Amino acid sequence: MIMSEPKTQFERFNLRVRNHPMVTALMILGTVVISLSTFTDAAKNLWGLIVTEARPDMNGPWQSEVTYDWGNAKYSETFTFGGDGEEVHGTASFLGVNRGILDGRVKDGSLQFITKTGEMVGDERKDVVHRYRGKVLRDEIKFLMQTEGGSSEHLPIEFTARKAPNASNDANPTASTAPR
C-alpha cells in the first residue's frame, strides 16, 4: 500500500502523534493536569459558597470594667448581643445606662457597632457617637472604643469584656418575651 503525503494539518498532526509516543504521553499528561487544576479551582469556589466562616459564639451577656479617659471614671458595663450571620443587635451600656446597638456586624471574629448618647451643653443638645471595634476571642472580646461629638475630645479607650454566666433568657435579646 502506497501512502500519500498527509494533506491536511490534522492528518500531519495525527501522523506525528502516532510516530512519537513520548509526545503523546506528554500531551495526555498536560491535559490531565489542566483538567485537575480546573476541577479543583471550581471545587474550591463551590465549597466557598457552601461553607462560610462560622459566627463566633457571642450571643448573650458580657461584662467589663471600663476606665474612661477622665478622672476616676470607672464603670461596670454590660453588653448583650443577639443576631445571626453577620448581623449584631442588642445593648451596650455607657456610664451604666443601656444603649441600643446600631449598625452592628461581626465578620471573621471582628465586631463593630455604634451607640449614641445625648449631651446637653447649655441649652443645646449634642449627639455623641461611640464607635466600638472588637476582636471576639472565645470567652472575651478585646474592645477599642472611640467617642466623637459632644463638648470635649476623648481619647480612644481599650478594655476587655468577658462572657457573663447566662442566668436566664432575660439577658438574651433574641429570647421571646411573649406570655406563654
N, C-alpha and C. Protein backbone atom coordinates (compact mmCIF):
# COMPACT_ATOMS: atom_id res chain seq x y z
N MET A 1 0.84 -1.16 0.00
CA MET A 1 0.00 0.00 0.00
C MET A 1 0.88 1.22 0.00
N ILE A 2 0.57 2.12 -0.87
CA ILE A 2 1.34 3.34 -1.02
C ILE A 2 0.65 4.44 -0.22
N MET A 3 1.45 5.05 0.66
CA MET A 3 0.88 6.12 1.48
C MET A 3 1.16 7.43 0.81
N SER A 4 0.12 8.20 0.74
CA SER A 4 0.30 9.53 0.18
C SER A 4 0.68 10.50 1.29
N GLU A 5 1.27 11.55 0.92
CA GLU A 5 1.66 12.61 1.85
C GLU A 5 0.39 13.18 2.51
N PRO A 6 0.41 13.41 3.87
CA PRO A 6 -0.77 13.97 4.52
C PRO A 6 -1.07 15.35 3.95
N LYS A 7 -2.34 15.60 3.71
CA LYS A 7 -2.74 16.85 3.05
C LYS A 7 -3.21 17.91 4.05
N THR A 8 -3.93 17.50 5.05
CA THR A 8 -4.47 18.50 5.98
C THR A 8 -3.56 18.60 7.21
N GLN A 9 -3.74 19.69 7.92
CA GLN A 9 -2.96 19.90 9.13
C GLN A 9 -3.28 18.84 10.17
N PHE A 10 -4.54 18.44 10.25
CA PHE A 10 -4.94 17.41 11.19
C PHE A 10 -4.25 16.09 10.85
N GLU A 11 -4.18 15.74 9.58
CA GLU A 11 -3.52 14.49 9.18
C GLU A 11 -2.03 14.54 9.52
N ARG A 12 -1.38 15.69 9.32
CA ARG A 12 0.04 15.81 9.66
C ARG A 12 0.24 15.68 11.17
N PHE A 13 -0.62 16.30 11.97
CA PHE A 13 -0.55 16.22 13.42
C PHE A 13 -0.76 14.77 13.88
N ASN A 14 -1.76 14.10 13.32
CA ASN A 14 -2.08 12.73 13.67
C ASN A 14 -0.89 11.81 13.36
N LEU A 15 -0.21 12.03 12.26
CA LEU A 15 0.95 11.22 11.88
C LEU A 15 2.09 11.43 12.88
N ARG A 16 2.33 12.66 13.29
CA ARG A 16 3.39 12.95 14.27
C ARG A 16 3.10 12.28 15.62
N VAL A 17 1.85 12.36 16.03
CA VAL A 17 1.48 11.77 17.32
C VAL A 17 1.68 10.27 17.29
N ARG A 18 1.28 9.63 16.22
CA ARG A 18 1.44 8.17 16.11
C ARG A 18 2.90 7.75 16.06
N ASN A 19 3.76 8.56 15.47
CA ASN A 19 5.17 8.22 15.33
C ASN A 19 6.02 8.63 16.54
N HIS A 20 5.46 9.40 17.48
CA HIS A 20 6.22 9.87 18.65
C HIS A 20 5.41 9.62 19.92
N PRO A 21 5.55 8.42 20.51
CA PRO A 21 4.76 8.08 21.69
C PRO A 21 5.07 9.00 22.90
N MET A 22 6.28 9.52 22.99
CA MET A 22 6.62 10.41 24.12
C MET A 22 5.82 11.72 24.02
N VAL A 23 5.64 12.26 22.83
CA VAL A 23 4.85 13.47 22.64
C VAL A 23 3.39 13.19 23.04
N THR A 24 2.90 12.02 22.66
CA THR A 24 1.53 11.65 23.02
C THR A 24 1.37 11.58 24.53
N ALA A 25 2.32 10.96 25.21
CA ALA A 25 2.24 10.84 26.66
C ALA A 25 2.28 12.22 27.32
N LEU A 26 3.13 13.12 26.85
CA LEU A 26 3.20 14.47 27.40
C LEU A 26 1.90 15.24 27.17
N MET A 27 1.30 15.07 26.02
CA MET A 27 0.04 15.76 25.74
C MET A 27 -1.07 15.25 26.65
N ILE A 28 -1.12 13.95 26.87
CA ILE A 28 -2.14 13.37 27.76
C ILE A 28 -1.91 13.86 29.18
N LEU A 29 -0.65 13.85 29.65
CA LEU A 29 -0.32 14.32 30.99
C LEU A 29 -0.70 15.79 31.16
N GLY A 30 -0.40 16.62 30.17
CA GLY A 30 -0.75 18.04 30.22
C GLY A 30 -2.26 18.23 30.30
N THR A 31 -3.00 17.46 29.53
CA THR A 31 -4.46 17.55 29.55
C THR A 31 -5.01 17.16 30.92
N VAL A 32 -4.45 16.11 31.52
CA VAL A 32 -4.89 15.68 32.85
C VAL A 32 -4.59 16.76 33.89
N VAL A 33 -3.39 17.34 33.84
CA VAL A 33 -3.02 18.38 34.81
C VAL A 33 -3.94 19.59 34.68
N ILE A 34 -4.20 20.03 33.48
CA ILE A 34 -5.09 21.18 33.26
C ILE A 34 -6.51 20.86 33.73
N SER A 35 -6.98 19.66 33.45
CA SER A 35 -8.32 19.27 33.89
C SER A 35 -8.43 19.24 35.41
N LEU A 36 -7.43 18.66 36.08
CA LEU A 36 -7.45 18.62 37.54
C LEU A 36 -7.39 20.02 38.13
N SER A 37 -6.58 20.87 37.56
CA SER A 37 -6.46 22.24 38.06
C SER A 37 -7.79 22.97 37.92
N THR A 38 -8.43 22.83 36.80
CA THR A 38 -9.73 23.47 36.58
C THR A 38 -10.77 22.91 37.54
N PHE A 39 -10.76 21.60 37.73
CA PHE A 39 -11.72 20.97 38.64
C PHE A 39 -11.50 21.43 40.07
N THR A 40 -10.24 21.47 40.55
CA THR A 40 -10.00 21.86 41.95
C THR A 40 -10.35 23.33 42.17
N ASP A 41 -10.08 24.20 41.19
CA ASP A 41 -10.48 25.61 41.33
C ASP A 41 -12.01 25.72 41.43
N ALA A 42 -12.70 24.98 40.57
CA ALA A 42 -14.16 25.01 40.60
C ALA A 42 -14.68 24.44 41.92
N ALA A 43 -14.05 23.37 42.42
CA ALA A 43 -14.48 22.78 43.69
C ALA A 43 -14.25 23.75 44.84
N LYS A 44 -13.13 24.45 44.85
CA LYS A 44 -12.86 25.44 45.90
C LYS A 44 -13.90 26.55 45.87
N ASN A 45 -14.24 27.03 44.69
CA ASN A 45 -15.26 28.08 44.56
C ASN A 45 -16.61 27.60 45.06
N LEU A 46 -16.99 26.38 44.71
CA LEU A 46 -18.26 25.84 45.18
C LEU A 46 -18.23 25.63 46.70
N TRP A 47 -17.13 25.15 47.23
CA TRP A 47 -17.01 24.93 48.67
C TRP A 47 -17.15 26.25 49.42
N GLY A 48 -16.58 27.33 48.86
CA GLY A 48 -16.69 28.65 49.48
C GLY A 48 -18.12 29.14 49.53
N LEU A 49 -18.96 28.73 48.57
CA LEU A 49 -20.37 29.10 48.59
C LEU A 49 -21.14 28.32 49.65
N ILE A 50 -20.71 27.09 49.89
CA ILE A 50 -21.41 26.22 50.81
C ILE A 50 -20.98 26.47 52.26
N VAL A 51 -19.67 26.53 52.48
CA VAL A 51 -19.13 26.67 53.84
C VAL A 51 -18.68 28.11 54.04
N THR A 52 -19.26 28.76 55.02
CA THR A 52 -18.89 30.13 55.34
C THR A 52 -18.25 30.17 56.72
N GLU A 53 -17.56 31.24 56.99
CA GLU A 53 -16.94 31.44 58.30
C GLU A 53 -18.02 31.39 59.36
N ALA A 54 -17.80 30.57 60.37
CA ALA A 54 -18.79 30.44 61.44
C ALA A 54 -18.80 31.70 62.29
N ARG A 55 -19.99 32.11 62.69
CA ARG A 55 -20.14 33.26 63.58
C ARG A 55 -19.60 32.88 64.95
N PRO A 56 -18.83 33.77 65.56
CA PRO A 56 -18.35 33.48 66.91
C PRO A 56 -19.53 33.29 67.87
N ASP A 57 -19.35 32.48 68.90
CA ASP A 57 -20.38 32.24 69.91
C ASP A 57 -20.39 33.44 70.85
N MET A 58 -21.12 34.48 70.46
CA MET A 58 -21.08 35.74 71.21
C MET A 58 -22.44 36.19 71.72
N ASN A 59 -23.52 35.54 71.30
CA ASN A 59 -24.84 35.97 71.76
C ASN A 59 -24.98 35.76 73.26
N GLY A 60 -25.62 36.74 73.91
CA GLY A 60 -25.82 36.68 75.35
C GLY A 60 -25.09 37.81 76.04
N PRO A 61 -25.03 37.74 77.38
CA PRO A 61 -24.47 38.85 78.15
C PRO A 61 -22.94 38.79 78.30
N TRP A 62 -22.33 39.98 78.34
CA TRP A 62 -20.89 40.15 78.55
C TRP A 62 -20.72 41.28 79.58
N GLN A 63 -19.62 41.24 80.32
CA GLN A 63 -19.36 42.27 81.33
C GLN A 63 -17.93 42.77 81.21
N SER A 64 -17.75 44.04 81.60
CA SER A 64 -16.42 44.63 81.57
C SER A 64 -16.31 45.77 82.56
N GLU A 65 -15.13 45.96 83.10
CA GLU A 65 -14.80 47.15 83.88
C GLU A 65 -14.13 48.11 82.90
N VAL A 66 -14.72 49.29 82.73
CA VAL A 66 -14.21 50.26 81.75
C VAL A 66 -13.75 51.50 82.50
N THR A 67 -12.51 51.89 82.25
CA THR A 67 -11.98 53.13 82.80
C THR A 67 -11.96 54.16 81.68
N TYR A 68 -12.78 55.18 81.82
CA TYR A 68 -12.89 56.21 80.79
C TYR A 68 -11.74 57.20 80.91
N ASP A 69 -11.63 58.11 79.96
CA ASP A 69 -10.46 58.99 79.87
C ASP A 69 -10.58 60.29 80.66
N TRP A 70 -11.42 60.31 81.68
CA TRP A 70 -11.45 61.46 82.58
C TRP A 70 -11.33 60.92 84.01
N GLY A 71 -10.98 61.76 84.95
CA GLY A 71 -10.63 61.37 86.32
C GLY A 71 -11.62 60.47 87.03
N ASN A 72 -11.10 59.40 87.63
CA ASN A 72 -11.88 58.46 88.44
C ASN A 72 -13.18 58.01 87.79
N ALA A 73 -13.15 57.73 86.54
CA ALA A 73 -14.36 57.30 85.83
C ALA A 73 -14.24 55.82 85.47
N LYS A 74 -14.55 54.95 86.43
CA LYS A 74 -14.52 53.51 86.21
C LYS A 74 -15.93 52.97 86.41
N TYR A 75 -16.45 52.30 85.39
CA TYR A 75 -17.82 51.79 85.43
C TYR A 75 -17.83 50.31 85.07
N SER A 76 -18.76 49.60 85.66
CA SER A 76 -19.03 48.22 85.28
C SER A 76 -20.05 48.29 84.15
N GLU A 77 -19.63 47.90 82.96
CA GLU A 77 -20.51 47.99 81.78
C GLU A 77 -20.95 46.59 81.35
N THR A 78 -22.14 46.52 80.78
CA THR A 78 -22.68 45.25 80.28
C THR A 78 -22.99 45.38 78.80
N PHE A 79 -22.84 44.27 78.11
CA PHE A 79 -23.14 44.17 76.68
C PHE A 79 -23.99 42.93 76.50
N THR A 80 -25.06 43.05 75.74
CA THR A 80 -25.90 41.90 75.45
C THR A 80 -26.08 41.84 73.95
N PHE A 81 -25.57 40.75 73.36
CA PHE A 81 -25.57 40.61 71.91
C PHE A 81 -26.56 39.55 71.46
N GLY A 82 -27.16 39.79 70.32
CA GLY A 82 -28.03 38.84 69.65
C GLY A 82 -27.79 38.96 68.15
N GLY A 83 -28.49 38.14 67.39
CA GLY A 83 -28.38 38.17 65.94
C GLY A 83 -27.81 36.86 65.41
N ASP A 84 -27.71 36.79 64.10
CA ASP A 84 -27.09 35.64 63.46
C ASP A 84 -26.41 36.10 62.18
N GLY A 85 -25.57 35.22 61.63
CA GLY A 85 -24.78 35.62 60.46
C GLY A 85 -23.90 36.79 60.83
N GLU A 86 -23.84 37.80 59.98
CA GLU A 86 -23.03 38.98 60.24
C GLU A 86 -23.77 40.03 61.08
N GLU A 87 -25.09 39.90 61.22
CA GLU A 87 -25.88 40.92 61.92
C GLU A 87 -25.71 40.81 63.43
N VAL A 88 -25.57 41.97 64.08
CA VAL A 88 -25.48 42.04 65.54
C VAL A 88 -26.46 43.09 66.02
N HIS A 89 -27.25 42.74 67.04
CA HIS A 89 -28.12 43.72 67.70
C HIS A 89 -28.07 43.46 69.20
N GLY A 90 -28.66 44.36 69.97
CA GLY A 90 -28.68 44.20 71.41
C GLY A 90 -28.44 45.52 72.10
N THR A 91 -27.75 45.47 73.26
CA THR A 91 -27.49 46.68 74.03
C THR A 91 -26.03 46.71 74.49
N ALA A 92 -25.54 47.93 74.70
CA ALA A 92 -24.22 48.16 75.28
C ALA A 92 -24.38 49.31 76.27
N SER A 93 -23.94 49.11 77.49
CA SER A 93 -24.10 50.20 78.46
C SER A 93 -22.94 51.18 78.34
N PHE A 94 -23.27 52.45 78.60
CA PHE A 94 -22.29 53.53 78.65
C PHE A 94 -22.61 54.33 79.91
N LEU A 95 -21.64 54.42 80.81
CA LEU A 95 -21.83 55.05 82.11
C LEU A 95 -22.96 54.36 82.89
N GLY A 96 -23.06 53.04 82.70
CA GLY A 96 -24.04 52.25 83.44
C GLY A 96 -25.45 52.24 82.87
N VAL A 97 -25.69 52.95 81.75
CA VAL A 97 -27.02 53.02 81.15
C VAL A 97 -27.01 52.27 79.82
N ASN A 98 -27.97 51.35 79.64
CA ASN A 98 -28.03 50.58 78.40
C ASN A 98 -28.39 51.46 77.22
N ARG A 99 -27.67 51.26 76.13
CA ARG A 99 -27.92 51.97 74.86
C ARG A 99 -28.12 50.91 73.78
N GLY A 100 -28.99 51.21 72.82
CA GLY A 100 -29.22 50.28 71.72
C GLY A 100 -28.03 50.23 70.77
N ILE A 101 -27.70 49.03 70.33
CA ILE A 101 -26.62 48.83 69.35
C ILE A 101 -27.15 49.18 67.97
N LEU A 102 -26.39 50.00 67.26
CA LEU A 102 -26.74 50.41 65.89
C LEU A 102 -25.64 49.94 64.94
N ASP A 103 -26.02 49.61 63.72
CA ASP A 103 -25.07 49.21 62.67
C ASP A 103 -24.12 48.11 63.14
N GLY A 104 -24.63 47.14 63.89
CA GLY A 104 -23.78 46.07 64.41
C GLY A 104 -23.52 44.99 63.38
N ARG A 105 -22.27 44.56 63.33
CA ARG A 105 -21.92 43.44 62.44
C ARG A 105 -20.67 42.75 62.97
N VAL A 106 -20.57 41.46 62.64
CA VAL A 106 -19.40 40.66 63.00
C VAL A 106 -19.00 39.86 61.77
N LYS A 107 -17.72 39.85 61.50
CA LYS A 107 -17.20 39.09 60.36
C LYS A 107 -15.78 38.66 60.67
N ASP A 108 -15.52 37.39 60.48
CA ASP A 108 -14.19 36.82 60.76
C ASP A 108 -13.72 37.15 62.17
N GLY A 109 -14.65 37.15 63.13
CA GLY A 109 -14.30 37.41 64.52
C GLY A 109 -14.12 38.87 64.88
N SER A 110 -14.28 39.77 63.91
CA SER A 110 -14.17 41.20 64.19
C SER A 110 -15.57 41.78 64.36
N LEU A 111 -15.78 42.45 65.47
CA LEU A 111 -17.08 43.00 65.84
C LEU A 111 -17.03 44.52 65.74
N GLN A 112 -18.08 45.12 65.16
CA GLN A 112 -18.18 46.57 65.07
C GLN A 112 -19.62 46.99 65.32
N PHE A 113 -19.79 48.07 66.08
CA PHE A 113 -21.12 48.67 66.25
C PHE A 113 -20.95 50.06 66.82
N ILE A 114 -22.06 50.80 66.82
CA ILE A 114 -22.05 52.12 67.44
C ILE A 114 -23.22 52.22 68.41
N THR A 115 -23.07 53.12 69.38
CA THR A 115 -24.18 53.54 70.23
C THR A 115 -24.17 55.06 70.23
N LYS A 116 -25.30 55.63 70.62
CA LYS A 116 -25.40 57.10 70.66
C LYS A 116 -25.94 57.53 72.02
N THR A 117 -25.44 58.67 72.48
CA THR A 117 -25.96 59.30 73.68
C THR A 117 -26.17 60.78 73.38
N GLY A 118 -26.99 61.41 74.17
CA GLY A 118 -27.21 62.84 74.04
C GLY A 118 -26.50 63.57 75.17
N GLU A 119 -25.97 64.74 74.86
CA GLU A 119 -25.28 65.54 75.86
C GLU A 119 -25.81 66.96 75.78
N MET A 120 -26.16 67.51 76.94
CA MET A 120 -26.64 68.90 76.98
C MET A 120 -25.48 69.83 77.28
N VAL A 121 -25.29 70.81 76.42
CA VAL A 121 -24.28 71.85 76.62
C VAL A 121 -25.05 73.16 76.61
N GLY A 122 -25.29 73.71 77.80
CA GLY A 122 -26.16 74.88 77.91
C GLY A 122 -27.57 74.48 77.52
N ASP A 123 -28.13 75.20 76.54
CA ASP A 123 -29.47 74.87 76.03
C ASP A 123 -29.41 73.98 74.79
N GLU A 124 -28.20 73.63 74.38
CA GLU A 124 -28.02 72.88 73.14
C GLU A 124 -27.78 71.40 73.43
N ARG A 125 -28.47 70.53 72.67
CA ARG A 125 -28.28 69.09 72.79
C ARG A 125 -27.33 68.64 71.69
N LYS A 126 -26.30 67.91 72.05
CA LYS A 126 -25.35 67.38 71.07
C LYS A 126 -25.41 65.85 71.09
N ASP A 127 -25.37 65.28 69.90
CA ASP A 127 -25.32 63.83 69.79
C ASP A 127 -23.87 63.37 69.93
N VAL A 128 -23.67 62.35 70.73
CA VAL A 128 -22.35 61.76 70.93
C VAL A 128 -22.41 60.33 70.39
N VAL A 129 -21.45 60.00 69.55
CA VAL A 129 -21.39 58.67 68.93
C VAL A 129 -20.22 57.90 69.54
N HIS A 130 -20.48 56.68 69.95
CA HIS A 130 -19.45 55.79 70.50
C HIS A 130 -19.27 54.66 69.49
N ARG A 131 -18.07 54.57 68.93
CA ARG A 131 -17.75 53.53 67.95
C ARG A 131 -16.95 52.43 68.63
N TYR A 132 -17.50 51.24 68.60
CA TYR A 132 -16.85 50.08 69.22
C TYR A 132 -16.30 49.18 68.12
N ARG A 133 -15.07 48.76 68.29
CA ARG A 133 -14.47 47.73 67.44
C ARG A 133 -13.88 46.69 68.38
N GLY A 134 -14.14 45.43 68.10
CA GLY A 134 -13.64 44.39 68.99
C GLY A 134 -13.23 43.15 68.25
N LYS A 135 -12.42 42.35 68.89
CA LYS A 135 -11.99 41.05 68.38
C LYS A 135 -12.52 40.00 69.34
N VAL A 136 -13.39 39.12 68.82
CA VAL A 136 -14.00 38.08 69.64
C VAL A 136 -13.04 36.91 69.74
N LEU A 137 -12.64 36.59 70.98
CA LEU A 137 -11.70 35.50 71.25
C LEU A 137 -12.31 34.59 72.31
N ARG A 138 -12.98 33.55 71.90
CA ARG A 138 -13.64 32.60 72.81
C ARG A 138 -14.52 33.29 73.84
N ASP A 139 -14.02 33.41 75.11
CA ASP A 139 -14.84 33.96 76.19
C ASP A 139 -14.49 35.40 76.52
N GLU A 140 -13.86 36.12 75.59
CA GLU A 140 -13.59 37.53 75.81
C GLU A 140 -13.59 38.29 74.49
N ILE A 141 -13.86 39.57 74.63
CA ILE A 141 -13.83 40.46 73.46
C ILE A 141 -12.89 41.61 73.81
N LYS A 142 -11.85 41.79 73.01
CA LYS A 142 -10.92 42.91 73.18
C LYS A 142 -11.50 44.09 72.41
N PHE A 143 -11.86 45.16 73.14
CA PHE A 143 -12.53 46.31 72.54
C PHE A 143 -11.63 47.52 72.45
N LEU A 144 -11.89 48.34 71.44
CA LEU A 144 -11.39 49.71 71.32
C LEU A 144 -12.63 50.56 71.08
N MET A 145 -12.84 51.56 71.96
CA MET A 145 -14.00 52.43 71.81
C MET A 145 -13.51 53.86 71.56
N GLN A 146 -14.08 54.49 70.55
CA GLN A 146 -13.78 55.89 70.24
C GLN A 146 -15.06 56.68 70.32
N THR A 147 -14.99 57.83 70.98
CA THR A 147 -16.15 58.70 71.15
C THR A 147 -15.93 59.96 70.33
N GLU A 148 -16.99 60.37 69.62
CA GLU A 148 -16.90 61.60 68.83
C GLU A 148 -18.15 62.43 69.04
N GLY A 149 -17.99 63.72 68.91
CA GLY A 149 -19.09 64.64 69.16
C GLY A 149 -19.06 65.07 70.61
N GLY A 150 -20.05 65.79 71.03
CA GLY A 150 -20.11 66.23 72.42
C GLY A 150 -19.27 67.47 72.66
N SER A 151 -19.10 67.79 73.93
CA SER A 151 -18.46 69.06 74.28
C SER A 151 -16.96 68.96 74.47
N SER A 152 -16.40 67.74 74.54
CA SER A 152 -14.95 67.63 74.73
C SER A 152 -14.39 66.47 73.91
N GLU A 153 -13.10 66.56 73.64
CA GLU A 153 -12.40 65.49 72.92
C GLU A 153 -12.14 64.32 73.86
N HIS A 154 -12.18 63.11 73.32
CA HIS A 154 -11.91 61.92 74.12
C HIS A 154 -10.88 61.05 73.42
N LEU A 155 -10.01 60.46 74.20
CA LEU A 155 -9.03 59.52 73.69
C LEU A 155 -9.69 58.16 73.48
N PRO A 156 -9.20 57.38 72.51
CA PRO A 156 -9.71 56.01 72.38
C PRO A 156 -9.37 55.22 73.65
N ILE A 157 -10.27 54.36 74.07
CA ILE A 157 -10.01 53.55 75.25
C ILE A 157 -10.10 52.07 74.89
N GLU A 158 -9.28 51.28 75.55
CA GLU A 158 -9.26 49.83 75.34
C GLU A 158 -9.74 49.15 76.61
N PHE A 159 -10.48 48.07 76.42
CA PHE A 159 -10.94 47.27 77.55
C PHE A 159 -11.31 45.88 77.05
N THR A 160 -11.48 44.96 77.97
CA THR A 160 -11.82 43.58 77.63
C THR A 160 -13.14 43.22 78.31
N ALA A 161 -14.07 42.71 77.53
CA ALA A 161 -15.34 42.20 78.06
C ALA A 161 -15.24 40.68 78.15
N ARG A 162 -15.82 40.14 79.20
CA ARG A 162 -15.80 38.69 79.40
C ARG A 162 -17.23 38.16 79.42
N LYS A 163 -17.39 36.96 78.89
CA LYS A 163 -18.71 36.34 78.83
C LYS A 163 -19.25 36.17 80.24
N ALA A 164 -20.48 36.65 80.44
CA ALA A 164 -21.13 36.54 81.75
C ALA A 164 -21.87 35.22 81.84
N PRO A 165 -22.01 34.70 83.05
CA PRO A 165 -22.83 33.50 83.19
C PRO A 165 -24.26 33.82 82.77
N ASN A 166 -24.83 33.00 81.93
CA ASN A 166 -26.18 33.24 81.40
C ASN A 166 -27.20 32.69 82.38
N ALA A 167 -27.61 33.55 83.34
CA ALA A 167 -28.53 33.13 84.41
C ALA A 167 -29.93 32.85 83.89
N SER A 168 -30.39 33.62 82.88
CA SER A 168 -31.75 33.42 82.38
C SER A 168 -31.84 33.90 80.95
N ASN A 169 -32.95 33.60 80.33
CA ASN A 169 -33.17 34.07 78.97
C ASN A 169 -33.47 35.56 78.91
N ASP A 170 -33.71 36.19 80.07
CA ASP A 170 -33.99 37.63 80.09
C ASP A 170 -32.80 38.42 79.56
N ALA A 171 -31.60 37.88 79.72
CA ALA A 171 -30.40 38.59 79.27
C ALA A 171 -30.20 38.46 77.77
N ASN A 172 -30.93 37.57 77.13
CA ASN A 172 -30.77 37.34 75.70
C ASN A 172 -31.80 38.15 74.93
N PRO A 173 -31.37 39.14 74.11
CA PRO A 173 -32.34 39.97 73.40
C PRO A 173 -33.10 39.22 72.33
N THR A 174 -32.69 37.99 71.99
CA THR A 174 -33.42 37.25 70.97
C THR A 174 -34.48 36.35 71.58
N ALA A 175 -34.49 36.24 72.91
CA ALA A 175 -35.46 35.37 73.58
C ALA A 175 -36.86 36.00 73.49
N SER A 176 -37.84 35.17 73.43
CA SER A 176 -39.22 35.64 73.35
C SER A 176 -39.67 36.19 74.71
N THR A 177 -40.36 37.32 74.67
CA THR A 177 -40.88 37.89 75.91
C THR A 177 -42.41 37.79 75.93
N ALA A 178 -42.97 37.06 75.00
CA ALA A 178 -44.44 36.92 74.95
C ALA A 178 -44.90 36.00 76.05
N PRO A 179 -46.09 36.24 76.60
CA PRO A 179 -46.62 35.35 77.65
C PRO A 179 -46.88 33.97 77.08
N ARG A 180 -46.76 32.97 77.95
CA ARG A 180 -46.96 31.59 77.46
C ARG A 180 -48.26 31.03 77.91
